[in-house]
Amino acid sequence: MRKIAPFFVALGAISFGVPATLMKIARSEGVVNGPLLFWSFLSAVIILGIIHVARRRWLRYQHTNWKQLLAVMAAGTASGFTNTFYIQSLKLIPVAAAAVMLMQAVWLSVLLGSILHKRRPTRLQVVSIVLVLIGTVLAAGLFPITQPLSLWGLFLAFLAACAYACTIQFTAMLGNNLDPLSKTWLLCIGAFLLISVVWGPQIVSAPVTFDTVKWAFWIAIFSMVFPLVAYSIFMQYLELGIGPILSSLELPASITIAFLVLGEKVDWLQIVGVLIIIGAVILPNVWGMRRQNQLR
């Protein structure tokens, strides 16, 4: 499992890069943010619930208790907060600025993991984080910015990064005695409950359309079902700091998919930024594999 863990966590991060394009398409078809988020998380809960029932992995047989179940569901609210803060920030600041702020989750997650596990990240991991941040600024096309930035918008995007960092850490820490799909289901339930409360007024007032449910289903697959399952199963097998670095692949994936699907312009600086991020992701994993081979 340790050998394939980086690959599947990377796929989970890449999957997180798809919903931005899907949300943009949905908005162009008149879909409102609140109902879109509501039906996305509800779809994830239903899909994982059906799988959970079909596999008969009942929670009472997984050596758990109500305290642990509630803790995992509470951790799931981090995903709901990430989506809520990020969408709100996009009303006030450019996508490039919001993307750069969201990628602060890389060092925030490493810092949070170091505090929780009482272990310092290695020098190589620190170098990788610095490279990720440099690549993020270039890949997001942050410079030049020709319009003033809202401090409140930047703060909301930073809160989204904090919530994303918590998602990365909590999926690795909590409920590891549970079946991974059961754990992911509980995380999605927590996120769904939060979205229902925060976006309640808009959910009640906005009409439900076929386009809303259609795009919500695909957003659920790419933003919750697949990445959270990948994180829940494989994140625990990675060394401290590697998971957050792998999660930075979300930005290159988002830029690439937007280029292929939406035809958005990508300049050479953004390509350089993407290559820097990919290099920063590969570096610690290749180095770690060499160390393991030398110790054998």
Protein backbone atom coordinates (compact mmCIF):
# COMPACT_ATOMS: atom_id res chain seq x y z
CA MET A 1 0.00 0.00 0.00
CA ARG A 2 2.86 2.39 0.77
CA LYS A 3 4.24 2.05 -2.77
CA ILE A 4 0.99 2.97 -4.50
CA ALA A 5 -0.20 5.51 -1.89
CA PRO A 6 1.50 8.56 -3.54
CA PHE A 7 -0.06 7.67 -6.90
CA PHE A 8 -3.63 7.48 -5.60
CA VAL A 9 -3.30 10.57 -3.37
CA ALA A 10 -2.01 12.42 -6.45
CA LEU A 11 -5.02 11.20 -8.45
CA GLY A 12 -7.27 12.45 -5.65
CA ALA A 13 -5.63 15.88 -5.82
CA ILE A 14 -5.96 15.96 -9.62
CA SER A 15 -9.63 15.05 -9.22
CA PHE A 16 -10.07 18.13 -7.02
CA GLY A 17 -8.99 20.21 -10.03
CA VAL A 18 -11.97 19.15 -12.16
CA PRO A 19 -14.94 20.75 -10.28
CA ALA A 20 -13.79 24.35 -10.92
CA THR A 21 -14.38 23.83 -14.65
CA LEU A 22 -17.66 21.99 -14.03
CA MET A 23 -18.88 24.80 -11.75
CA LYS A 24 -18.03 27.38 -14.40
CA ILE A 25 -20.02 25.44 -17.02
CA ALA A 26 -22.92 25.05 -14.56
CA ARG A 27 -22.97 28.78 -13.79
CA SER A 28 -23.01 29.56 -17.53
CA GLU A 29 -26.20 27.48 -17.72
CA GLY A 30 -27.84 29.53 -14.96
CA VAL A 31 -27.21 27.18 -12.01
CA VAL A 32 -27.06 28.96 -8.63
CA ASN A 33 -24.17 28.27 -6.21
CA GLY A 34 -26.20 27.31 -3.13
CA PRO A 35 -28.36 24.59 -4.74
CA LEU A 36 -25.34 23.37 -6.72
CA LEU A 37 -23.35 22.79 -3.53
CA PHE A 38 -26.38 21.30 -1.75
CA TRP A 39 -27.11 18.76 -4.48
CA SER A 40 -23.42 17.98 -4.91
CA PHE A 41 -22.96 16.98 -1.29
CA LEU A 42 -26.33 15.24 -1.20
CA SER A 43 -25.33 13.22 -4.29
CA ALA A 44 -22.08 12.20 -2.58
CA VAL A 45 -23.95 11.11 0.56
CA ILE A 46 -26.44 9.05 -1.50
CA ILE A 47 -23.77 7.43 -3.72
CA LEU A 48 -21.57 6.45 -0.78
CA GLY A 49 -24.61 5.43 1.28
CA ILE A 50 -25.76 3.02 -1.45
CA ILE A 51 -22.24 1.55 -1.69
CA HIS A 52 -22.11 1.30 2.10
CA VAL A 53 -25.42 -0.59 2.28
CA ALA A 54 -24.56 -2.83 -0.70
CA ARG A 55 -21.27 -3.87 0.92
CA ARG A 56 -23.02 -4.34 4.31
CA ARG A 57 -20.15 -2.68 6.13
CA TRP A 58 -22.33 -1.70 9.07
CA LEU A 59 -20.73 0.80 11.45
CA ARG A 60 -21.66 -1.21 14.55
CA TYR A 61 -19.36 -4.02 13.35
CA GLN A 62 -16.37 -1.72 12.81
CA HIS A 63 -15.27 -1.38 16.47
CA THR A 64 -16.36 2.22 16.79
CA ASN A 65 -18.56 4.36 19.01
CA TRP A 66 -20.78 7.43 18.70
CA LYS A 67 -18.01 9.75 19.87
CA GLN A 68 -15.75 8.66 17.03
CA LEU A 69 -18.56 8.79 14.47
CA LEU A 70 -19.42 12.35 15.47
CA ALA A 71 -15.72 13.32 15.34
CA VAL A 72 -15.41 12.05 11.76
CA MET A 73 -18.61 13.84 10.71
CA ALA A 74 -17.35 17.03 12.37
CA ALA A 75 -14.10 16.69 10.39
CA GLY A 76 -16.19 16.45 7.21
CA THR A 77 -17.45 19.99 7.76
CA ALA A 78 -13.96 21.17 6.74
CA SER A 79 -14.78 20.23 3.14
CA GLY A 80 -18.03 22.17 3.34
CA PHE A 81 -16.20 25.21 4.73
CA THR A 82 -13.61 24.98 1.92
CA ASN A 83 -16.27 25.16 -0.78
CA THR A 84 -18.25 27.87 0.99
CA PHE A 85 -15.34 30.23 1.67
CA TYR A 86 -13.82 29.70 -1.79
CA ILE A 87 -17.03 30.42 -3.72
CA GLN A 88 -17.65 33.53 -1.62
CA SER A 89 -14.10 34.79 -2.21
CA LEU A 90 -14.53 34.50 -5.98
CA LYS A 91 -17.20 37.21 -5.82
CA LEU A 92 -14.59 39.70 -4.57
CA ILE A 93 -11.20 38.75 -6.05
CA PRO A 94 -9.90 37.28 -9.34
CA VAL A 95 -9.69 33.50 -9.73
CA ALA A 96 -5.88 33.75 -9.91
CA ALA A 97 -5.62 35.47 -6.54
CA ALA A 98 -8.11 33.06 -4.94
CA ALA A 99 -6.19 30.06 -6.33
CA VAL A 100 -2.91 31.34 -4.89
CA MET A 101 -4.51 31.85 -1.48
CA LEU A 102 -6.08 28.38 -1.58
CA MET A 103 -2.69 26.80 -2.25
CA GLN A 104 -1.49 28.17 1.09
CA ALA A 105 -3.10 24.95 2.31
CA VAL A 106 0.19 23.22 1.37
CA TRP A 107 2.29 24.83 4.11
CA LEU A 108 -0.68 25.18 6.48
CA SER A 109 -1.28 21.43 6.32
CA VAL A 110 2.39 20.65 6.92
CA LEU A 111 2.41 23.07 9.87
CA LEU A 112 -0.78 21.54 11.29
CA GLY A 113 0.61 18.03 10.86
CA SER A 114 3.86 19.00 12.57
CA ILE A 115 1.94 20.39 15.55
CA LEU A 116 -0.43 17.42 15.83
CA HIS A 117 2.29 14.78 15.39
CA LYS A 118 5.03 16.79 17.17
CA ARG A 119 7.44 16.16 14.32
CA ARG A 120 9.35 18.65 12.21
CA PRO A 121 9.16 18.44 8.40
CA THR A 122 12.42 17.51 6.67
CA ARG A 123 14.54 20.04 4.79
CA LEU A 124 13.58 18.40 1.51
CA GLN A 125 9.90 18.83 2.30
CA VAL A 126 10.45 22.50 3.17
CA VAL A 127 12.25 23.02 -0.16
CA SER A 128 9.37 21.29 -1.95
CA ILE A 129 6.81 23.55 -0.23
CA VAL A 130 8.73 26.69 -1.24
CA LEU A 131 8.87 25.44 -4.85
CA VAL A 132 5.12 24.69 -4.76
CA LEU A 133 4.34 28.24 -3.61
CA ILE A 134 6.60 29.77 -6.28
CA GLY A 135 5.05 27.54 -8.93
CA THR A 136 1.56 28.41 -7.68
CA VAL A 137 2.11 32.15 -8.16
CA LEU A 138 3.31 31.54 -11.74
CA ALA A 139 0.75 28.85 -12.62
CA ALA A 140 -2.18 30.94 -11.38
CA GLY A 141 -1.09 33.86 -13.57
CA LEU A 142 -1.09 36.12 -10.53
CA PHE A 143 1.13 38.74 -12.11
CA PRO A 144 0.35 41.23 -13.38
CA ILE A 145 -2.91 42.06 -11.53
CA THR A 146 -4.50 45.17 -13.01
CA GLN A 147 -7.34 45.60 -10.49
CA PRO A 148 -7.37 46.31 -6.74
CA LEU A 149 -7.76 43.32 -4.43
CA SER A 150 -10.36 43.06 -1.69
CA LEU A 151 -8.76 42.27 1.68
CA TRP A 152 -12.00 40.56 2.72
CA GLY A 153 -11.92 38.43 -0.41
CA LEU A 154 -8.30 37.43 0.25
CA PHE A 155 -9.21 36.58 3.85
CA LEU A 156 -12.10 34.35 2.71
CA ALA A 157 -9.80 32.52 0.28
CA PHE A 158 -7.26 32.07 3.10
CA LEU A 159 -10.01 30.61 5.30
CA ALA A 160 -10.75 28.17 2.46
CA ALA A 161 -7.06 27.18 2.52
CA CYS A 162 -7.23 26.63 6.30
CA ALA A 163 -10.30 24.41 5.87
CA TYR A 164 -8.61 22.47 3.04
CA ALA A 165 -5.55 21.91 5.23
CA CYS A 166 -7.81 20.50 7.94
CA THR A 167 -9.45 18.19 5.38
CA ILE A 168 -6.05 16.80 4.37
CA GLN A 169 -4.95 16.17 7.94
CA PHE A 170 -8.21 14.90 9.40
CA THR A 171 -8.83 12.36 6.64
CA ALA A 172 -5.45 10.84 7.54
CA MET A 173 -5.87 10.98 11.32
CA LEU A 174 -9.46 10.20 12.26
CA GLY A 175 -11.39 6.95 12.03
CA ASN A 176 -8.60 4.80 10.61
CA ASN A 177 -10.20 1.73 12.20
CA LEU A 178 -13.26 2.32 10.02
CA ASP A 179 -13.74 0.94 6.55
CA PRO A 180 -12.45 3.72 4.20
CA LEU A 181 -15.77 4.01 2.35
CA SER A 182 -17.67 4.20 5.64
CA LYS A 183 -15.28 6.93 6.78
CA THR A 184 -15.73 8.88 3.54
CA TRP A 185 -19.52 8.56 3.85
CA LEU A 186 -19.41 10.06 7.34
CA LEU A 187 -17.15 12.90 6.14
CA CYS A 188 -19.63 13.71 3.36
CA ILE A 189 -22.58 13.64 5.81
CA GLY A 190 -20.80 16.22 7.97
CA ALA A 191 -20.09 18.44 4.95
CA PHE A 192 -23.67 18.07 3.70
CA LEU A 193 -25.12 19.15 7.06
CA LEU A 194 -22.91 22.24 7.10
CA ILE A 195 -23.83 23.21 3.51
CA SER A 196 -27.54 22.75 4.33
CA VAL A 197 -27.28 25.20 7.22
CA VAL A 198 -25.03 27.82 5.59
CA TRP A 199 -26.80 27.89 2.21
CA GLY A 200 -30.30 27.15 3.59
CA PRO A 201 -32.03 30.40 2.50
CA GLN A 202 -30.73 30.17 -1.10
CA ILE A 203 -31.49 26.43 -1.30
CA VAL A 204 -35.12 27.04 -0.27
CA SER A 205 -35.70 30.02 -2.58
CA ALA A 206 -33.92 28.84 -5.75
CA PRO A 207 -35.73 26.44 -8.13
CA VAL A 208 -34.37 22.92 -8.66
CA THR A 209 -33.53 22.28 -12.30
CA PHE A 210 -32.28 19.26 -14.21
CA ASP A 211 -29.01 21.09 -14.96
CA THR A 212 -28.46 21.67 -11.21
CA VAL A 213 -28.82 17.97 -10.38
CA LYS A 214 -26.81 16.87 -13.44
CA TRP A 215 -23.76 19.04 -12.75
CA ALA A 216 -24.04 18.44 -9.01
CA PHE A 217 -23.70 14.69 -9.61
CA TRP A 218 -20.45 15.05 -11.57
CA ILE A 219 -19.06 17.61 -9.13
CA ALA A 220 -19.79 15.14 -6.32
CA ILE A 221 -17.81 12.41 -8.07
CA PHE A 222 -14.75 14.55 -8.71
CA SER A 223 -14.74 16.77 -5.60
CA MET A 224 -15.88 14.36 -2.90
CA VAL A 225 -16.42 10.68 -3.72
CA PHE A 226 -13.15 9.85 -5.50
CA PRO A 227 -10.69 12.23 -3.76
CA LEU A 228 -12.01 11.63 -0.25
CA VAL A 229 -11.93 7.86 -0.77
CA ALA A 230 -8.35 8.13 -2.08
CA TYR A 231 -7.32 10.34 0.85
CA SER A 232 -9.06 8.15 3.44
CA ILE A 233 -7.41 4.96 2.18
CA PHE A 234 -3.92 6.10 1.22
CA MET A 235 -3.06 9.35 3.06
CA GLN A 236 -2.24 7.46 6.26
CA TYR A 237 0.55 5.56 4.46
CA LEU A 238 2.47 8.70 3.47
CA GLU A 239 5.27 10.34 5.42
CA LEU A 240 4.56 13.59 7.25
CA GLY A 241 4.38 16.48 4.76
CA ILE A 242 4.15 14.37 1.59
CA GLY A 243 0.34 14.42 1.41
CA PRO A 244 0.04 18.23 1.42
CA ILE A 245 2.72 18.49 -1.26
CA LEU A 246 0.86 15.99 -3.45
CA SER A 247 -2.37 17.93 -2.90
CA SER A 248 -0.82 20.89 -4.74
CA LEU A 249 -1.39 19.00 -8.01
CA GLU A 250 -4.94 20.37 -7.84
CA LEU A 251 -3.87 23.71 -9.34
CA PRO A 252 -2.02 22.34 -12.42
CA ALA A 253 -4.94 19.97 -13.00
CA SER A 254 -7.43 22.84 -12.75
CA ILE A 255 -5.45 24.97 -15.23
CA THR A 256 -4.98 22.08 -17.68
CA ILE A 257 -8.65 21.05 -17.63
CA ALA A 258 -9.81 24.65 -18.04
CA PHE A 259 -7.47 24.95 -21.05
CA LEU A 260 -8.71 21.70 -22.65
CA VAL A 261 -12.43 22.06 -21.91
CA LEU A 262 -13.06 25.80 -21.72
CA GLY A 263 -10.28 26.95 -24.03
CA GLU A 264 -8.92 29.35 -21.42
CA LYS A 265 -5.63 31.04 -22.32
CA VAL A 266 -2.44 29.62 -20.75
CA ASP A 267 0.82 31.56 -21.17
CA TRP A 268 4.38 30.27 -20.86
CA LEU A 269 4.80 31.53 -17.29
CA GLN A 270 1.84 29.41 -16.21
CA ILE A 271 3.35 26.38 -17.94
CA VAL A 272 6.63 27.01 -16.08
CA GLY A 273 4.67 27.25 -12.83
CA VAL A 274 2.91 23.94 -13.52
CA LEU A 275 6.26 22.23 -14.24
CA ILE A 276 7.74 23.63 -11.01
CA ILE A 277 4.81 22.27 -8.99
CA ILE A 278 5.05 18.85 -10.63
CA GLY A 279 8.82 18.81 -9.98
CA ALA A 280 8.24 19.77 -6.34
CA VAL A 281 5.77 16.88 -6.00
CA ILE A 282 8.08 14.32 -7.63
CA LEU A 283 11.23 15.37 -5.72
CA PRO A 284 10.38 14.18 -2.16
CA ASN A 285 8.73 10.97 -3.41
CA VAL A 286 11.67 9.92 -5.61
CA TRP A 287 14.12 10.82 -2.84
CA GLY A 288 12.08 8.81 -0.32
CA MET A 289 12.02 5.75 -2.60
CA ARG A 290 15.81 5.94 -3.03
CA ARG A 291 16.29 6.10 0.73
CA GLN A 292 14.08 3.05 1.21
CA ASN A 293 16.07 1.13 -1.40
CA GLN A 294 19.36 2.09 0.26
CA LEU A 295 18.12 0.87 3.65
CA ARG A 296 17.27 -2.57 2.26
